[in-house]
Amino acid sequence: MTTEILEELREGEELRAAARSRMYALFCEALRYPDDEMRGWLREGELSRSLRATLASVDPALLDGTDWDALTEAQAGDEEDGLAIEHTRLFEVGAAGPPCALYGGLYNDARMKTMEEVVRFYNHFGLTLSEDPRELPDHLATELEFMHFLAFREAEALHDGDDPGPYRRAARDFVARHPGRWVPKLLQKLRRAKPPRYYAELFSLLARVLDHDRRALLEIAGPPAAEA
């Protein structure tokens, strides 16, 4: 390959990593409690437009089959605070816990082991959780923020001419062992809970994105050492 072709390839990888980082940041925003500010953001269609543009930069195939109109507050409920009520019903309250818990450790029989493992991932890269008791290590938003961080550091390494391998391998392992493993189970529960179109489409899209990212990372980072 010529130097020019190698440089174009590096820039393409850098742009895709940056787009993946923004993609995960957008999902984190889309998952938060829908206060007045967020509902305005949704009502104006900003989430739908931002996700479409970002996913197109990652892989245009991710745009297929998505109901983009559903990702607006106008489709989330008739009442002004309908989305907030649904968020609470689905993800926060319930006699035996919320019907669609956002904590990955609750989708297996070893939550403490799960939390210990994700904390080891975070600590390996010098990350610590805040003292806010709501920010538990296995919460979906926390895990997606970590994927956002890894993709950002990958893009940064590519830009600086450094090795992106450690960030790619960590993302490959983390998405396969954590959100990519349990979000499909969450999606099954969500569908049974009859959510508004907004949450049904958001989590369906997230599950597809995680599966796509898992397969893409496996291709560019190679299989884990035990499988190589």
Protein backbone atom coordinates (compact mmCIF):
# COMPACT_ATOMS: atom_id res chain seq x y z
CA MET A 1 0.00 0.00 0.00
CA THR A 2 1.11 3.56 -0.61
CA THR A 3 1.54 6.00 2.26
CA GLU A 4 -1.53 7.93 1.05
CA ILE A 5 -3.76 4.82 1.19
CA LEU A 6 -2.49 3.91 4.66
CA GLU A 7 -3.22 7.44 5.88
CA GLU A 8 -6.75 7.34 4.45
CA LEU A 9 -7.37 4.01 6.18
CA ARG A 10 -6.15 5.37 9.48
CA GLU A 11 -8.38 8.42 9.16
CA GLY A 12 -11.36 6.23 8.29
CA GLU A 13 -10.79 4.09 11.38
CA GLU A 14 -10.42 7.21 13.49
CA LEU A 15 -13.69 8.66 12.22
CA ARG A 16 -15.56 5.41 12.84
CA ALA A 17 -14.19 5.18 16.38
CA ALA A 18 -15.25 8.78 17.03
CA ALA A 19 -18.72 8.02 15.64
CA ARG A 20 -19.00 4.94 17.90
CA SER A 21 -18.06 7.09 20.87
CA ARG A 22 -20.79 9.60 20.06
CA MET A 23 -23.24 6.78 19.41
CA TYR A 24 -22.83 5.43 22.93
CA ALA A 25 -23.03 8.92 24.42
CA LEU A 26 -26.34 9.48 22.64
CA PHE A 27 -27.78 6.25 24.00
CA CYS A 28 -26.77 7.32 27.50
CA GLU A 29 -28.67 10.56 27.03
CA ALA A 30 -31.69 8.77 25.57
CA LEU A 31 -31.92 6.49 28.62
CA ARG A 32 -31.96 9.15 31.31
CA TYR A 33 -35.09 10.23 33.16
CA PRO A 34 -37.20 12.35 30.76
CA ASP A 35 -37.36 15.69 32.53
CA ASP A 36 -38.68 18.83 30.83
CA GLU A 37 -35.36 19.55 29.12
CA MET A 38 -35.05 16.06 27.71
CA ARG A 39 -38.67 15.98 26.55
CA GLY A 40 -38.05 19.18 24.63
CA TRP A 41 -34.96 17.61 23.08
CA LEU A 42 -37.03 14.61 21.99
CA ARG A 43 -40.01 16.64 20.83
CA GLU A 44 -37.78 18.68 18.53
CA GLY A 45 -36.48 15.47 16.97
CA GLU A 46 -32.89 16.09 18.01
CA LEU A 47 -32.31 12.54 19.24
CA SER A 48 -33.66 10.99 16.06
CA ARG A 49 -31.58 13.26 13.83
CA SER A 50 -28.40 12.81 15.88
CA LEU A 51 -28.69 9.05 16.06
CA ARG A 52 -29.38 8.74 12.34
CA ALA A 53 -26.36 10.84 11.42
CA THR A 54 -24.08 9.06 13.88
CA LEU A 55 -25.15 5.53 13.00
CA ALA A 56 -24.73 6.34 9.32
CA SER A 57 -21.09 7.16 10.08
CA VAL A 58 -20.64 3.85 11.92
CA ASP A 59 -22.44 1.67 9.35
CA PRO A 60 -25.37 2.78 7.16
CA ALA A 61 -26.89 -0.71 7.54
CA LEU A 62 -27.75 0.20 11.13
CA LEU A 63 -30.38 2.63 9.81
CA ASP A 64 -32.45 -0.15 8.27
CA GLY A 65 -35.65 -1.23 9.97
CA THR A 66 -35.78 1.58 12.53
CA ASP A 67 -38.98 3.51 13.22
CA TRP A 68 -37.38 6.94 13.54
CA ASP A 69 -40.71 8.65 14.16
CA ALA A 70 -41.05 6.59 17.35
CA LEU A 71 -37.95 8.25 18.80
CA THR A 72 -39.82 11.45 19.56
CA GLU A 73 -41.86 12.36 22.62
CA ALA A 74 -44.90 12.92 20.41
CA GLN A 75 -45.18 9.15 20.09
CA ALA A 76 -44.43 8.40 23.76
CA GLY A 77 -47.79 9.17 25.34
CA ASP A 78 -50.76 11.48 25.18
CA GLU A 79 -49.99 13.31 28.41
CA GLU A 80 -47.19 15.84 28.70
CA ASP A 81 -45.48 13.76 31.37
CA GLY A 82 -46.48 10.40 29.86
CA LEU A 83 -42.91 9.40 29.06
CA ALA A 84 -41.74 10.18 32.60
CA ILE A 85 -44.56 8.06 34.04
CA GLU A 86 -43.63 5.18 31.76
CA HIS A 87 -39.93 5.49 32.63
CA THR A 88 -40.79 5.15 36.30
CA ARG A 89 -43.16 2.23 35.71
CA LEU A 90 -40.77 0.27 33.53
CA PHE A 91 -37.37 0.93 35.06
CA GLU A 92 -37.72 2.20 38.62
CA VAL A 93 -40.60 0.74 40.65
CA GLY A 94 -42.41 -2.53 41.26
CA ALA A 95 -43.44 -4.73 44.19
CA ALA A 96 -40.65 -7.18 43.32
CA GLY A 97 -38.47 -4.63 41.59
CA PRO A 98 -39.08 -2.86 38.28
CA PRO A 99 -40.31 -5.08 35.44
CA CYS A 100 -37.40 -4.02 33.23
CA ALA A 101 -34.45 -3.44 35.54
CA LEU A 102 -31.50 -1.61 34.01
CA TYR A 103 -28.88 -3.49 36.07
CA GLY A 104 -26.99 -6.19 34.21
CA GLY A 105 -26.21 -8.23 37.29
CA LEU A 106 -29.91 -8.93 37.78
CA TYR A 107 -29.98 -10.91 34.54
CA ASN A 108 -27.79 -13.70 35.92
CA ASP A 109 -27.39 -15.52 39.22
CA ALA A 110 -24.22 -13.77 40.34
CA ARG A 111 -24.76 -10.04 40.58
CA MET A 112 -21.89 -9.36 42.97
CA LYS A 113 -19.50 -11.24 40.68
CA THR A 114 -20.81 -9.24 37.74
CA MET A 115 -20.29 -5.93 39.53
CA GLU A 116 -16.80 -6.95 40.62
CA GLU A 117 -15.90 -7.80 37.03
CA VAL A 118 -17.16 -4.54 35.53
CA VAL A 119 -15.36 -2.58 38.25
CA ARG A 120 -12.13 -4.34 37.29
CA PHE A 121 -12.66 -3.20 33.71
CA TYR A 122 -13.22 0.38 34.86
CA ASN A 123 -10.29 0.42 37.28
CA HIS A 124 -7.92 -1.00 34.67
CA PHE A 125 -8.35 2.25 32.75
CA GLY A 126 -8.16 4.45 35.82
CA LEU A 127 -11.90 5.02 36.07
CA THR A 128 -13.84 5.16 39.33
CA LEU A 129 -17.55 5.60 39.99
CA SER A 130 -18.94 8.65 41.71
CA GLU A 131 -20.23 8.35 45.26
CA ASP A 132 -23.80 8.77 44.02
CA PRO A 133 -25.55 5.59 45.23
CA ARG A 134 -27.60 5.50 42.03
CA GLU A 135 -24.48 5.06 39.90
CA LEU A 136 -23.92 1.33 40.33
CA PRO A 137 -21.29 -0.35 38.17
CA ASP A 138 -23.72 -2.69 36.38
CA HIS A 139 -26.28 0.00 35.44
CA LEU A 140 -26.83 0.15 31.70
CA ALA A 141 -25.94 3.85 31.46
CA THR A 142 -22.66 3.22 33.31
CA GLU A 143 -21.75 0.37 30.99
CA LEU A 144 -22.58 2.40 27.90
CA GLU A 145 -20.54 5.32 29.23
CA PHE A 146 -17.59 2.93 29.48
CA MET A 147 -18.06 1.88 25.85
CA HIS A 148 -18.20 5.58 24.96
CA PHE A 149 -14.92 6.11 26.82
CA LEU A 150 -13.16 3.18 25.13
CA ALA A 151 -14.21 4.31 21.66
CA PHE A 152 -13.08 7.85 22.43
CA ARG A 153 -9.67 6.62 23.58
CA GLU A 154 -9.43 4.43 20.47
CA ALA A 155 -10.08 7.46 18.26
CA GLU A 156 -7.57 9.47 20.26
CA ALA A 157 -4.91 6.77 19.91
CA LEU A 158 -5.46 6.57 16.15
CA HIS A 159 -5.25 10.34 15.85
CA ASP A 160 -1.95 10.41 17.79
CA GLY A 161 -0.48 7.44 15.94
CA ASP A 162 -0.59 5.24 19.05
CA ASP A 163 -1.75 1.64 19.38
CA PRO A 164 -5.57 1.42 19.59
CA GLY A 165 -5.39 -2.29 20.39
CA PRO A 166 -5.88 -2.13 24.17
CA TYR A 167 -9.09 -0.12 23.81
CA ARG A 168 -10.43 -2.31 21.01
CA ARG A 169 -9.74 -5.52 22.93
CA ALA A 170 -11.31 -4.15 26.11
CA ALA A 171 -14.40 -3.03 24.18
CA ARG A 172 -14.59 -6.41 22.43
CA ASP A 173 -14.53 -8.28 25.73
CA PHE A 174 -16.75 -5.86 27.66
CA VAL A 175 -19.58 -5.64 25.15
CA ALA A 176 -19.66 -9.42 24.74
CA ARG A 177 -19.61 -10.16 28.47
CA HIS A 178 -21.87 -7.36 29.67
CA PRO A 179 -24.33 -5.13 27.75
CA GLY A 180 -24.27 -7.25 24.61
CA ARG A 181 -25.13 -10.30 26.69
CA TRP A 182 -27.96 -8.98 28.87
CA VAL A 183 -29.65 -6.19 26.90
CA PRO A 184 -31.40 -8.75 24.62
CA LYS A 185 -32.89 -10.30 27.79
CA LEU A 186 -34.00 -6.85 28.93
CA LEU A 187 -35.58 -6.25 25.53
CA GLN A 188 -37.66 -9.43 25.88
CA LYS A 189 -38.99 -8.25 29.24
CA LEU A 190 -39.66 -4.79 27.87
CA ARG A 191 -41.78 -6.12 25.02
CA ARG A 192 -43.92 -8.06 27.49
CA ALA A 193 -44.42 -4.90 29.57
CA LYS A 194 -46.13 -3.07 26.67
CA PRO A 195 -43.88 0.02 26.61
CA PRO A 196 -44.56 3.22 24.65
CA ARG A 197 -43.18 3.23 21.12
CA TYR A 198 -40.25 5.39 22.19
CA TYR A 199 -38.79 2.82 24.58
CA ALA A 200 -39.71 -0.15 22.40
CA GLU A 201 -37.80 1.34 19.47
CA LEU A 202 -34.92 2.72 21.53
CA PHE A 203 -34.07 -0.62 23.13
CA SER A 204 -34.62 -2.56 19.93
CA LEU A 205 -32.14 -0.25 18.21
CA LEU A 206 -29.70 -0.51 21.11
CA ALA A 207 -29.75 -4.31 20.99
CA ARG A 208 -28.97 -4.22 17.26
CA VAL A 209 -26.18 -1.71 17.78
CA LEU A 210 -24.57 -3.79 20.53
CA ASP A 211 -24.67 -6.92 18.39
CA HIS A 212 -23.20 -5.03 15.44
CA ASP A 213 -20.44 -3.55 17.59
CA ARG A 214 -19.66 -6.94 19.13
CA ARG A 215 -19.17 -8.51 15.70
CA ALA A 216 -17.20 -5.52 14.35
CA LEU A 217 -14.86 -5.49 17.34
CA LEU A 218 -14.28 -9.21 17.05
CA GLU A 219 -13.24 -8.65 13.44
CA ILE A 220 -10.85 -5.75 14.00
CA ALA A 221 -9.42 -6.85 17.38
CA GLY A 222 -9.42 -10.59 16.73
CA PRO A 223 -10.78 -13.27 19.05
CA PRO A 224 -9.91 -13.31 22.77
CA ALA A 225 -6.64 -15.07 23.57
CA ALA A 226 -8.38 -18.22 24.81
CA GLU A 227 -10.20 -18.54 21.47
CA ALA A 228 -7.35 -17.55 19.16
